[in-house]
PDB file of all heavy atoms in Angstrom:
ATOM      1  N   PHE A   1       5.233  42.150  69.424  1.00  0.00           N
ATOM      2  CA  PHE A   1       4.312  41.417  68.562  1.00  0.00           C
ATOM      3  C   PHE A   1       4.602  39.925  68.643  1.00  0.00           C
ATOM      4  O   PHE A   1       5.757  39.512  68.706  1.00  0.00           O
ATOM      5  CB  PHE A   1       4.458  41.877  67.100  1.00  0.00           C
ATOM      6  CG  PHE A   1       3.972  43.280  66.869  1.00  0.00           C
ATOM      7  CD1 PHE A   1       4.860  44.347  66.898  1.00  0.00           C
ATOM      8  CD2 PHE A   1       2.629  43.532  66.622  1.00  0.00           C
ATOM      9  CE1 PHE A   1       4.430  45.624  66.685  1.00  0.00           C
ATOM     10  CE2 PHE A   1       2.194  44.824  66.407  1.00  0.00           C
ATOM     11  CZ  PHE A   1       3.092  45.880  66.446  1.00  0.00           C
ATOM     12  N   GLU A   2       3.519  39.151  68.615  1.00  0.00           N
ATOM     13  CA  GLU A   2       3.652  37.700  68.612  1.00  0.00           C
ATOM     14  C   GLU A   2       3.860  37.204  67.177  1.00  0.00           C
ATOM     15  O   GLU A   2       3.158  37.620  66.256  1.00  0.00           O
ATOM     16  CB  GLU A   2       2.399  37.044  69.175  1.00  0.00           C
ATOM     17  CG  GLU A   2       2.162  37.343  70.648  1.00  0.00           C
ATOM     18  CD  GLU A   2       0.891  36.689  71.146  1.00  0.00           C
ATOM     19  OE1 GLU A   2       0.094  36.215  70.290  1.00  0.00           O
ATOM     20  OE2 GLU A   2       0.701  36.628  72.381  1.00  0.00           O
ATOM     21  N   VAL A   3       4.814  36.312  67.008  1.00  0.00           N
ATOM     22  CA  VAL A   3       4.978  35.573  65.748  1.00  0.00           C
ATOM     23  C   VAL A   3       4.430  34.174  66.005  1.00  0.00           C
ATOM     24  O   VAL A   3       4.892  33.486  66.909  1.00  0.00           O
ATOM     25  CB  VAL A   3       6.453  35.504  65.318  1.00  0.00           C
ATOM     26  CG1 VAL A   3       6.587  34.720  64.023  1.00  0.00           C
ATOM     27  CG2 VAL A   3       7.040  36.903  65.165  1.00  0.00           C
ATOM     28  N   THR A   4       3.436  33.783  65.232  1.00  0.00           N
ATOM     29  CA  THR A   4       2.754  32.511  65.494  1.00  0.00           C
ATOM     30  C   THR A   4       3.015  31.511  64.358  1.00  0.00           C
ATOM     31  O   THR A   4       3.426  31.892  63.255  1.00  0.00           O
ATOM     32  CB  THR A   4       1.244  32.722  65.627  1.00  0.00           C
ATOM     33  OG1 THR A   4       0.735  33.290  64.414  1.00  0.00           O
ATOM     34  CG2 THR A   4       0.936  33.644  66.786  1.00  0.00           C
ATOM     35  N   MET A   5       2.766  30.238  64.655  1.00  0.00           N
ATOM     36  CA  MET A   5       2.868  29.212  63.625  1.00  0.00           C
ATOM     37  C   MET A   5       1.749  29.435  62.608  1.00  0.00           C
ATOM     38  O   MET A   5       0.573  29.410  62.940  1.00  0.00           O
ATOM     39  CB  MET A   5       2.705  27.819  64.263  1.00  0.00           C
ATOM     40  CG  MET A   5       2.688  26.669  63.273  1.00  0.00           C
ATOM     41  SD  MET A   5       4.223  26.489  62.292  1.00  0.00           S
ATOM     42  CE  MET A   5       5.377  25.946  63.574  1.00  0.00           C
ATOM     43  N   PRO A   6       2.104  29.689  61.341  1.00  0.00           N
ATOM     44  CA  PRO A   6       1.075  29.975  60.331  1.00  0.00           C
ATOM     45  C   PRO A   6       0.330  28.713  59.924  1.00  0.00           C
ATOM     46  O   PRO A   6       0.821  27.601  60.082  1.00  0.00           O
ATOM     47  CB  PRO A   6       1.889  30.528  59.155  1.00  0.00           C
ATOM     48  CG  PRO A   6       3.216  29.851  59.283  1.00  0.00           C
ATOM     49  CD  PRO A   6       3.475  29.711  60.769  1.00  0.00           C
ATOM     50  N   GLN A   7      -0.861  28.912  59.410  1.00  0.00           N
ATOM     51  CA  GLN A   7      -1.641  27.793  58.899  1.00  0.00           C
ATOM     52  C   GLN A   7      -1.572  27.780  57.395  1.00  0.00           C
ATOM     53  O   GLN A   7      -2.034  28.706  56.729  1.00  0.00           O
ATOM     54  CB  GLN A   7      -3.106  27.885  59.355  1.00  0.00           C
ATOM     55  CG  GLN A   7      -3.926  26.682  58.914  1.00  0.00           C
ATOM     56  CD  GLN A   7      -5.307  26.681  59.511  1.00  0.00           C
ATOM     57  OE1 GLN A   7      -5.942  27.716  59.573  1.00  0.00           O
ATOM     58  NE2 GLN A   7      -5.777  25.523  59.937  1.00  0.00           N
ATOM     59  N   MET A   8      -0.991  26.750  56.832  1.00  0.00           N
ATOM     60  CA  MET A   8      -0.862  26.612  55.375  1.00  0.00           C
ATOM     61  C   MET A   8      -1.797  25.520  54.917  1.00  0.00           C
ATOM     62  O   MET A   8      -1.392  24.407  54.595  1.00  0.00           O
ATOM     63  CB  MET A   8       0.607  26.319  55.037  1.00  0.00           C
ATOM     64  CG  MET A   8       1.521  27.482  55.341  1.00  0.00           C
ATOM     65  SD  MET A   8       3.278  27.035  55.337  1.00  0.00           S
ATOM     66  CE  MET A   8       3.417  26.261  56.945  1.00  0.00           C
ATOM     67  N   GLY A   9      -3.091  25.828  54.950  1.00  0.00           N
ATOM     68  CA  GLY A   9      -4.116  24.852  54.642  1.00  0.00           C
ATOM     69  C   GLY A   9      -4.957  24.601  55.883  1.00  0.00           C
ATOM     70  O   GLY A   9      -4.443  24.508  56.986  1.00  0.00           O
ATOM     71  N   ALA A  10      -6.268  24.503  55.697  1.00  0.00           N
ATOM     72  CA  ALA A  10      -7.175  24.405  56.837  1.00  0.00           C
ATOM     73  C   ALA A  10      -6.993  23.121  57.617  1.00  0.00           C
ATOM     74  O   ALA A  10      -7.339  23.048  58.781  1.00  0.00           O
ATOM     75  CB  ALA A  10      -8.616  24.527  56.374  1.00  0.00           C
ATOM     76  N   ASP A  11      -6.465  22.066  56.989  1.00  0.00           N
ATOM     77  CA  ASP A  11      -6.274  20.814  57.740  1.00  0.00           C
ATOM     78  C   ASP A  11      -4.886  20.736  58.336  1.00  0.00           C
ATOM     79  O   ASP A  11      -4.519  19.716  58.924  1.00  0.00           O
ATOM     80  CB  ASP A  11      -6.569  19.608  56.857  1.00  0.00           C
ATOM     81  CG  ASP A  11      -5.658  19.529  55.655  1.00  0.00           C
ATOM     82  OD1 ASP A  11      -4.983  20.524  55.348  1.00  0.00           O
ATOM     83  OD2 ASP A  11      -5.616  18.467  55.011  1.00  0.00           O
ATOM     84  N   MET A  12      -4.107  21.778  58.221  1.00  0.00           N
ATOM     85  CA  MET A  12      -2.826  21.827  58.926  1.00  0.00           C
ATOM     86  C   MET A  12      -3.078  22.250  60.364  1.00  0.00           C
ATOM     87  O   MET A  12      -3.662  23.301  60.620  1.00  0.00           O
ATOM     88  CB  MET A  12      -1.868  22.807  58.252  1.00  0.00           C
ATOM     89  CG  MET A  12      -0.569  22.981  59.010  1.00  0.00           C
ATOM     90  SD  MET A  12       0.517  24.214  58.235  1.00  0.00           S
ATOM     91  CE  MET A  12       1.760  24.398  59.514  1.00  0.00           C
ATOM     92  N   THR A  13      -2.674  21.434  61.314  1.00  0.00           N
ATOM     93  CA  THR A  13      -2.894  21.744  62.714  1.00  0.00           C
ATOM     94  C   THR A  13      -1.619  22.026  63.466  1.00  0.00           C
ATOM     95  O   THR A  13      -1.649  22.533  64.590  1.00  0.00           O
ATOM     96  CB  THR A  13      -3.623  20.588  63.415  1.00  0.00           C
ATOM     97  OG1 THR A  13      -2.831  19.392  63.295  1.00  0.00           O
ATOM     98  CG2 THR A  13      -4.999  20.347  62.797  1.00  0.00           C
ATOM     99  N   GLU A  14      -0.459  21.698  62.876  1.00  0.00           N
ATOM    100  CA  GLU A  14       0.799  21.941  63.541  1.00  0.00           C
ATOM    101  C   GLU A  14       1.936  21.929  62.524  1.00  0.00           C
ATOM    102  O   GLU A  14       1.773  21.452  61.406  1.00  0.00           O
ATOM    103  CB  GLU A  14       1.057  20.871  64.623  1.00  0.00           C
ATOM    104  CG  GLU A  14       1.159  19.470  64.051  1.00  0.00           C
ATOM    105  CD  GLU A  14       1.264  18.391  65.124  1.00  0.00           C
ATOM    106  OE1 GLU A  14       1.057  18.724  66.291  1.00  0.00           O
ATOM    107  OE2 GLU A  14       1.550  17.246  64.756  1.00  0.00           O
ATOM    108  N   GLY A  15       3.066  22.464  62.901  1.00  0.00           N
ATOM    109  CA  GLY A  15       4.255  22.444  62.065  1.00  0.00           C
ATOM    110  C   GLY A  15       5.476  22.267  62.943  1.00  0.00           C
ATOM    111  O   GLY A  15       5.453  22.526  64.150  1.00  0.00           O
ATOM    112  N   THR A  16       6.570  21.838  62.329  1.00  0.00           N
ATOM    113  CA  THR A  16       7.823  21.642  63.054  1.00  0.00           C
ATOM    114  C   THR A  16       8.752  22.811  62.770  1.00  0.00           C
ATOM    115  O   THR A  16       9.008  23.140  61.606  1.00  0.00           O
ATOM    116  CB  THR A  16       8.504  20.334  62.646  1.00  0.00           C
ATOM    117  OG1 THR A  16       7.618  19.248  62.893  1.00  0.00           O
ATOM    118  CG2 THR A  16       9.790  20.130  63.427  1.00  0.00           C
ATOM    119  N   LEU A  17       9.263  23.451  63.808  1.00  0.00           N
ATOM    120  CA  LEU A  17      10.228  24.516  63.628  1.00  0.00           C
ATOM    121  C   LEU A  17      11.587  23.863  63.435  1.00  0.00           C
ATOM    122  O   LEU A  17      12.166  23.318  64.356  1.00  0.00           O
ATOM    123  CB  LEU A  17      10.243  25.448  64.849  1.00  0.00           C
ATOM    124  CG  LEU A  17      10.876  26.810  64.608  1.00  0.00           C
ATOM    125  CD1 LEU A  17      10.287  27.846  65.529  1.00  0.00           C
ATOM    126  CD2 LEU A  17      12.391  26.761  64.789  1.00  0.00           C
ATOM    127  N   LEU A  18      12.078  23.905  62.200  1.00  0.00           N
ATOM    128  CA  LEU A  18      13.338  23.210  61.885  1.00  0.00           C
ATOM    129  C   LEU A  18      14.573  23.983  62.337  1.00  0.00           C
ATOM    130  O   LEU A  18      15.408  23.465  63.067  1.00  0.00           O
ATOM    131  CB  LEU A  18      13.428  22.954  60.370  1.00  0.00           C
ATOM    132  CG  LEU A  18      12.561  21.853  59.789  1.00  0.00           C
ATOM    133  CD1 LEU A  18      12.888  21.706  58.311  1.00  0.00           C
ATOM    134  CD2 LEU A  18      12.805  20.527  60.499  1.00  0.00           C
ATOM    135  N   HIS A  19      14.672  25.245  61.877  1.00  0.00           N
ATOM    136  CA  HIS A  19      15.860  26.033  62.154  1.00  0.00           C
ATOM    137  C   HIS A  19      15.482  27.494  62.380  1.00  0.00           C
ATOM    138  O   HIS A  19      14.640  28.051  61.663  1.00  0.00           O
ATOM    139  CB  HIS A  19      16.854  25.973  60.978  1.00  0.00           C
ATOM    140  CG  HIS A  19      17.267  24.591  60.600  1.00  0.00           C
ATOM    141  ND1 HIS A  19      18.027  23.792  61.413  1.00  0.00           N
ATOM    142  CD2 HIS A  19      17.001  23.861  59.485  1.00  0.00           C
ATOM    143  CE1 HIS A  19      18.216  22.631  60.808  1.00  0.00           C
ATOM    144  NE2 HIS A  19      17.614  22.650  59.647  1.00  0.00           N
ATOM    145  N   TRP A  20      16.129  28.106  63.351  1.00  0.00           N
ATOM    146  CA  TRP A  20      16.055  29.556  63.513  1.00  0.00           C
ATOM    147  C   TRP A  20      17.123  30.186  62.630  1.00  0.00           C
ATOM    148  O   TRP A  20      18.285  29.788  62.669  1.00  0.00           O
ATOM    149  CB  TRP A  20      16.286  29.960  64.974  1.00  0.00           C
ATOM    150  CG  TRP A  20      15.095  29.814  65.839  1.00  0.00           C
ATOM    151  CD1 TRP A  20      14.905  28.919  66.835  1.00  0.00           C
ATOM    152  CD2 TRP A  20      13.911  30.623  65.805  1.00  0.00           C
ATOM    153  NE1 TRP A  20      13.662  29.083  67.417  1.00  0.00           N
ATOM    154  CE2 TRP A  20      13.043  30.135  66.810  1.00  0.00           C
ATOM    155  CE3 TRP A  20      13.500  31.693  65.028  1.00  0.00           C
ATOM    156  CZ2 TRP A  20      11.784  30.673  67.042  1.00  0.00           C
ATOM    157  CZ3 TRP A  20      12.252  32.238  65.261  1.00  0.00           C
ATOM    158  CH2 TRP A  20      11.407  31.740  66.254  1.00  0.00           C
ATOM    159  N   LEU A  21      16.735  31.162  61.807  1.00  0.00           N
ATOM    160  CA  LEU A  21      17.677  31.872  60.950  1.00  0.00           C
ATOM    161  C   LEU A  21      18.040  33.228  61.528  1.00  0.00           C
ATOM    162  O   LEU A  21      18.916  33.903  60.987  1.00  0.00           O
ATOM    163  CB  LEU A  21      17.073  32.039  59.545  1.00  0.00           C
ATOM    164  CG  LEU A  21      16.675  30.717  58.845  1.00  0.00           C
ATOM    165  CD1 LEU A  21      16.080  31.012  57.482  1.00  0.00           C
ATOM    166  CD2 LEU A  21      17.887  29.799  58.723  1.00  0.00           C
ATOM    167  N   LYS A  22      17.353  33.628  62.599  1.00  0.00           N
ATOM    168  CA  LYS A  22      17.664  34.863  63.324  1.00  0.00           C
ATOM    169  C   LYS A  22      17.833  34.513  64.794  1.00  0.00           C
ATOM    170  O   LYS A  22      17.220  33.587  65.309  1.00  0.00           O
ATOM    171  CB  LYS A  22      16.567  35.902  63.154  1.00  0.00           C
ATOM    172  CG  LYS A  22      16.307  36.334  61.702  1.00  0.00           C
ATOM    173  CD  LYS A  22      17.478  37.123  61.139  1.00  0.00           C
ATOM    174  CE  LYS A  22      17.147  37.633  59.743  1.00  0.00           C
ATOM    175  NZ  LYS A  22      18.280  38.404  59.157  1.00  0.00           N
ATOM    176  N   ASN A  23      18.694  35.295  65.472  1.00  0.00           N
ATOM    177  CA  ASN A  23      18.957  35.068  66.879  1.00  0.00           C
ATOM    178  C   ASN A  23      18.330  36.159  67.727  1.00  0.00           C
ATOM    179  O   ASN A  23      18.031  37.270  67.243  1.00  0.00           O
ATOM    180  CB  ASN A  23      20.468  35.028  67.126  1.00  0.00           C
ATOM    181  CG  ASN A  23      21.143  33.903  66.378  1.00  0.00           C
ATOM    182  OD1 ASN A  23      20.658  32.774  66.379  1.00  0.00           O
ATOM    183  ND2 ASN A  23      22.266  34.203  65.734  1.00  0.00           N
ATOM    184  N   VAL A  24      18.130  35.870  69.008  1.00  0.00           N
ATOM    185  CA  VAL A  24      17.622  36.875  69.936  1.00  0.00           C
ATOM    186  C   VAL A  24      18.567  38.079  69.936  1.00  0.00           C
ATOM    187  O   VAL A  24      19.786  37.936  70.012  1.00  0.00           O
ATOM    188  CB  VAL A  24      17.509  36.288  71.352  1.00  0.00           C
ATOM    189  CG1 VAL A  24      17.148  37.373  72.354  1.00  0.00           C
ATOM    190  CG2 VAL A  24      16.479  35.168  71.383  1.00  0.00           C
ATOM    191  N   GLY A  25      17.991  39.259  69.790  1.00  0.00           N
ATOM    192  CA  GLY A  25      18.791  40.487  69.727  1.00  0.00           C
ATOM    193  C   GLY A  25      18.964  41.000  68.311  1.00  0.00           C
ATOM    194  O   GLY A  25      19.335  42.165  68.114  1.00  0.00           O
ATOM    195  N   ASP A  26      18.688  40.148  67.281  1.00  0.00           N
ATOM    196  CA  ASP A  26      18.820  40.594  65.893  1.00  0.00           C
ATOM    197  C   ASP A  26      17.710  41.590  65.550  1.00  0.00           C
ATOM    198  O   ASP A  26      16.546  41.419  65.969  1.00  0.00           O
ATOM    199  CB  ASP A  26      18.745  39.415  64.929  1.00  0.00           C
ATOM    200  CG  ASP A  26      19.986  38.549  64.972  1.00  0.00           C
ATOM    201  OD1 ASP A  26      20.953  38.947  65.626  1.00  0.00           O
ATOM    202  OD2 ASP A  26      19.964  37.459  64.345  1.00  0.00           O
ATOM    203  N   VAL A  27      18.062  42.610  64.778  1.00  0.00           N
ATOM    204  CA  VAL A  27      17.071  43.578  64.291  1.00  0.00           C
ATOM    205  C   VAL A  27      16.405  43.001  63.052  1.00  0.00           C
ATOM    206  O   VAL A  27      17.083  42.598  62.102  1.00  0.00           O
ATOM    207  CB  VAL A  27      17.735  44.932  63.977  1.00  0.00           C
ATOM    208  CG1 VAL A  27      16.707  45.902  63.397  1.00  0.00           C
ATOM    209  CG2 VAL A  27      18.371  45.513  65.229  1.00  0.00           C
ATOM    210  N   ILE A  28      15.082  42.960  63.056  1.00  0.00           N
ATOM    211  CA  ILE A  28      14.317  42.310  61.983  1.00  0.00           C
ATOM    212  C   ILE A  28      13.556  43.363  61.192  1.00  0.00           C
ATOM    213  O   ILE A  28      12.923  44.252  61.766  1.00  0.00           O
ATOM    214  CB  ILE A  28      13.302  41.301  62.579  1.00  0.00           C
ATOM    215  CG1 ILE A  28      13.995  40.349  63.555  1.00  0.00           C
ATOM    216  CG2 ILE A  28      12.588  40.544  61.480  1.00  0.00           C
ATOM    217  CD1 ILE A  28      15.074  39.495  62.937  1.00  0.00           C
TER     218      ILE A  28
END
């Protein structure tokens, strides 16, 4: 499944990914 940048308001066009709290291989 794809995890995408969510839209929080219709005029939001982009967001900055600050920190990953999970690592590759972690069970979610």
